[in-house]
Amino acid sequence: MGYALALSLVLHIGAALIVIFACSSRTGVKSPGSIVIQEVAFAPSISTAVKTSALKDSPPALPEPAPESAGENDLTEQQPPSMEHDAQNKAIMSTPLGLGMTHGYVTSLANGMSLRDDIRDYYFDMVGKINGAWWDRAGVITEPLRQDGVIELLIQRDGTIISIRILQGTGSREADRLLTEALKNTRLAPLPPSYELDIFNVPLRIKAPTSLFRLNG
């Protein structure tokens, strides 16, 4: 019994070897006599390839703008005043208020309080005309008024100034001369009919500008 089992096992092994050799000779595949180990280069993973492609396709980063230098800010802060601001200042200085502050102005000694009603309006109209004539000439003065001056006018009925007396000078001979010329060239209206006298005696004061608003000197 044991002999028969051993013989059967040998026969099965032999049959198996015959089949193996037959298949090897038929397909041309050599029997594995030795084991060959080759180095295998692993392909990069899909995630690595995707990351590399994304980096290549993304646009280059734009450089950040350089901060403004301190010099540019200083130039912006040191810009001169706008032309509009200059025009506004010029317009203000051309008004009676501005002209009076820079060149002085003619006014009454007591604000006309001692005048009668029938002559008071005439008086203030006369002062306005004298100031206009004075400001037309005052812009060329090189020696400005140094102090208040006092003048006295005599006006006849037709409005003609027949006498100009400087009772107190302005401290500037040039200003006194120009003021006298302005008075001589001022055309005044006739005295009101209700004024009975033939001569209107008019004392006036010319106020000098303060040193803050004095344009010359």
Protein backbone atom coordinates (compact mmCIF):
# COMPACT_ATOMS: atom_id res chain seq x y z
CA MET A 1 0.00 0.00 0.00
CA GLY A 2 2.80 2.42 0.86
CA TYR A 3 4.72 1.40 -2.20
CA ALA A 4 1.74 2.04 -4.43
CA LEU A 5 1.25 5.51 -2.91
CA ALA A 6 4.86 6.44 -3.49
CA LEU A 7 4.76 5.22 -7.06
CA SER A 8 1.61 7.23 -7.72
CA LEU A 9 3.25 10.36 -6.32
CA VAL A 10 6.33 9.94 -8.52
CA LEU A 11 4.17 9.47 -11.59
CA HIS A 12 2.18 12.64 -10.87
CA ILE A 13 5.34 14.69 -10.37
CA GLY A 14 6.83 13.36 -13.57
CA ALA A 15 3.70 14.13 -15.53
CA ALA A 16 3.70 17.64 -14.19
CA LEU A 17 7.33 18.20 -15.22
CA ILE A 18 6.61 16.92 -18.73
CA VAL A 19 3.72 19.38 -19.11
CA ILE A 20 5.87 22.30 -17.91
CA PHE A 21 8.72 21.57 -20.29
CA ALA A 22 6.32 21.08 -23.15
CA CYS A 23 4.74 24.48 -22.59
CA SER A 24 8.12 26.17 -22.32
CA SER A 25 9.39 24.78 -25.59
CA ARG A 26 6.13 25.69 -27.35
CA THR A 27 6.04 29.36 -26.32
CA GLY A 28 9.76 30.00 -26.48
CA VAL A 29 9.92 31.06 -22.86
CA LYS A 30 12.95 29.85 -21.02
CA SER A 31 12.57 28.28 -17.72
CA PRO A 32 13.39 30.60 -14.93
CA GLY A 33 16.95 29.67 -14.18
CA SER A 34 17.69 32.87 -12.29
CA ILE A 35 15.91 35.91 -10.92
CA VAL A 36 16.78 39.26 -12.58
CA ILE A 37 16.13 42.43 -10.59
CA GLN A 38 15.83 45.63 -12.66
CA GLU A 39 15.70 49.18 -11.42
CA VAL A 40 12.29 50.63 -12.05
CA ALA A 41 11.89 54.43 -12.43
CA PHE A 42 8.67 55.36 -10.74
CA ALA A 43 6.56 57.88 -12.70
CA PRO A 44 5.68 61.06 -10.82
CA SER A 45 2.38 60.96 -9.08
CA ILE A 46 -0.65 62.63 -10.62
CA SER A 47 -0.86 65.22 -7.83
CA THR A 48 2.76 66.31 -8.43
CA ALA A 49 2.13 66.67 -12.17
CA VAL A 50 -0.98 68.72 -11.58
CA LYS A 51 0.84 71.05 -9.18
CA THR A 52 3.72 71.56 -11.65
CA SER A 53 1.29 72.29 -14.49
CA ALA A 54 -0.64 74.76 -12.35
CA LEU A 55 2.55 76.60 -11.45
CA LYS A 56 3.55 76.85 -15.11
CA ASP A 57 0.11 78.07 -16.24
CA SER A 58 -0.37 80.71 -13.49
CA PRO A 59 0.53 84.30 -14.55
CA PRO A 60 3.62 85.86 -13.02
CA ALA A 61 3.02 88.00 -9.93
CA LEU A 62 2.98 91.74 -10.61
CA PRO A 63 5.54 93.80 -8.70
CA GLU A 64 4.13 95.95 -5.90
CA PRO A 65 4.13 99.72 -6.62
CA ALA A 66 6.96 101.54 -4.98
CA PRO A 67 5.89 103.83 -2.10
CA GLU A 68 5.91 107.55 -2.75
CA SER A 69 9.10 109.18 -1.69
CA ALA A 70 9.16 111.89 0.94
CA GLY A 71 10.37 114.36 -1.68
CA GLU A 72 7.22 113.94 -3.77
CA ASN A 73 5.03 114.55 -0.73
CA ASP A 74 7.01 117.69 0.09
CA LEU A 75 6.52 119.03 -3.44
CA THR A 76 2.77 118.44 -3.16
CA GLU A 77 2.59 120.26 0.16
CA GLN A 78 4.73 123.17 -1.10
CA GLN A 79 2.56 123.99 -4.12
CA PRO A 80 1.72 127.68 -4.38
CA PRO A 81 -1.82 128.92 -3.67
CA SER A 82 -4.33 128.29 -6.42
CA MET A 83 -5.11 130.94 -9.00
CA GLU A 84 -8.68 131.02 -7.74
CA HIS A 85 -7.49 132.01 -4.26
CA ASP A 86 -5.32 134.78 -5.74
CA ALA A 87 -8.24 136.07 -7.79
CA GLN A 88 -10.44 136.20 -4.70
CA ASN A 89 -7.82 138.18 -2.78
CA LYS A 90 -7.42 140.59 -5.68
CA ALA A 91 -11.18 141.09 -5.90
CA ILE A 92 -11.40 141.85 -2.17
CA MET A 93 -8.55 144.36 -2.30
CA SER A 94 -10.24 146.21 -5.17
CA THR A 95 -13.32 147.00 -3.06
CA PRO A 96 -13.61 150.29 -1.10
CA LEU A 97 -12.83 148.36 2.08
CA GLY A 98 -9.67 146.85 0.62
CA LEU A 99 -8.54 150.12 -0.96
CA GLY A 100 -9.12 151.99 2.29
CA MET A 101 -7.07 149.46 4.27
CA THR A 102 -4.11 149.61 1.88
CA HIS A 103 -4.11 153.26 0.76
CA GLY A 104 -6.01 155.12 3.46
CA TYR A 105 -9.35 156.88 3.07
CA VAL A 106 -11.02 160.26 3.50
CA THR A 107 -13.67 160.64 6.19
CA SER A 108 -15.36 163.36 8.24
CA LEU A 109 -14.07 164.67 11.55
CA ALA A 110 -17.25 163.83 13.48
CA ASN A 111 -19.04 161.42 11.10
CA GLY A 112 -21.18 164.33 9.87
CA MET A 113 -23.18 164.44 13.10
CA SER A 114 -23.01 168.24 13.27
CA LEU A 115 -24.40 168.70 9.75
CA ARG A 116 -27.96 169.68 8.99
CA ASP A 117 -30.19 167.10 7.36
CA ASP A 118 -30.39 169.04 4.08
CA ILE A 119 -26.59 168.96 3.61
CA ARG A 120 -25.68 165.62 5.22
CA ASP A 121 -26.51 163.48 2.16
CA TYR A 122 -24.59 165.88 -0.06
CA TYR A 123 -21.64 165.66 2.31
CA PHE A 124 -21.40 161.84 2.27
CA ASP A 125 -21.79 161.75 -1.50
CA MET A 126 -18.93 164.26 -1.75
CA VAL A 127 -16.70 162.09 0.52
CA GLY A 128 -17.35 159.05 -1.67
CA LYS A 129 -16.30 160.92 -4.82
CA ILE A 130 -13.14 162.27 -3.14
CA ASN A 131 -12.17 158.75 -2.03
CA GLY A 132 -12.62 157.44 -5.57
CA ALA A 133 -10.34 160.17 -6.95
CA TRP A 134 -7.77 159.48 -4.20
CA TRP A 135 -7.68 155.70 -4.78
CA ASP A 136 -7.17 156.25 -8.51
CA ARG A 137 -3.85 157.95 -7.71
CA ALA A 138 -2.78 156.25 -4.47
CA GLY A 139 -1.63 153.07 -6.24
CA VAL A 140 1.49 154.82 -7.60
CA ILE A 141 2.66 156.23 -4.26
CA THR A 142 6.20 155.21 -3.33
CA GLU A 143 6.13 157.02 0.03
CA PRO A 144 2.97 155.95 1.88
CA LEU A 145 1.02 157.92 4.46
CA ARG A 146 2.68 157.85 7.88
CA GLN A 147 -0.11 159.47 9.91
CA ASP A 148 -3.62 160.85 9.65
CA GLY A 149 -3.97 164.15 7.82
CA VAL A 150 -6.53 166.95 8.10
CA ILE A 151 -7.67 169.12 5.19
CA GLU A 152 -10.17 171.94 4.77
CA LEU A 153 -12.19 172.60 1.63
CA LEU A 154 -14.26 175.59 0.57
CA ILE A 155 -17.00 174.74 -1.93
CA GLN A 156 -19.12 177.32 -3.69
CA ARG A 157 -22.74 176.86 -4.72
CA ASP A 158 -22.06 175.33 -8.13
CA GLY A 159 -19.91 172.60 -6.51
CA THR A 160 -16.54 174.04 -7.44
CA ILE A 161 -13.76 173.60 -4.87
CA ILE A 162 -12.23 177.03 -4.56
CA SER A 163 -9.82 176.38 -1.67
CA ILE A 164 -7.78 173.40 -0.41
CA ARG A 165 -5.80 173.76 2.81
CA ILE A 166 -3.75 171.02 4.44
CA LEU A 167 -4.06 171.66 8.17
CA GLN A 168 -2.10 168.55 9.12
CA GLY A 169 0.12 166.66 6.72
CA THR A 170 0.17 162.88 6.30
CA GLY A 171 3.93 162.56 6.85
CA SER A 172 4.42 161.97 3.13
CA ARG A 173 4.91 164.92 0.80
CA GLU A 174 4.09 162.72 -2.16
CA ALA A 175 0.78 161.68 -0.58
CA ASP A 176 -0.11 165.29 0.28
CA ARG A 177 0.58 166.35 -3.32
CA LEU A 178 -1.45 163.51 -4.85
CA LEU A 179 -4.32 164.17 -2.45
CA THR A 180 -4.38 167.83 -3.47
CA GLU A 181 -4.42 166.85 -7.16
CA ALA A 182 -7.25 164.39 -6.53
CA LEU A 183 -9.33 167.10 -4.84
CA LYS A 184 -8.76 169.57 -7.67
CA ASN A 185 -9.98 167.02 -10.23
CA THR A 186 -13.05 165.90 -8.29
CA ARG A 187 -16.32 167.05 -9.84
CA LEU A 188 -18.94 167.73 -7.18
CA ALA A 189 -22.64 168.37 -7.54
CA PRO A 190 -24.03 171.85 -6.78
CA LEU A 191 -24.99 172.55 -3.20
CA PRO A 192 -28.61 171.68 -2.33
CA PRO A 193 -31.10 174.59 -2.82
CA SER A 194 -32.06 174.46 0.85
CA TYR A 195 -28.51 175.39 1.84
CA GLU A 196 -28.60 179.16 2.33
CA LEU A 197 -24.88 180.00 2.45
CA ASP A 198 -22.81 180.67 -0.64
CA ILE A 199 -19.78 178.75 0.63
CA PHE A 200 -19.71 175.32 2.22
CA ASN A 201 -16.79 174.93 4.62
CA VAL A 202 -15.79 171.22 4.75
CA PRO A 203 -13.16 169.86 7.18
CA LEU A 204 -12.02 166.30 6.31
CA ARG A 205 -9.65 163.73 7.72
CA ILE A 206 -7.59 161.29 5.67
CA LYS A 207 -6.87 158.11 7.61
CA ALA A 208 -3.49 156.51 7.05
CA PRO A 209 -3.39 152.72 6.57
CA THR A 210 -1.97 150.65 9.40
CA SER A 211 1.53 149.25 8.95
CA LEU A 212 -0.01 145.78 8.52
CA PHE A 213 -1.83 146.79 5.32
CA ARG A 214 0.61 149.39 4.06
CA LEU A 215 1.70 148.32 0.55
CA ASN A 216 4.80 150.46 0.33
CA GLY A 217 7.47 151.31 2.85
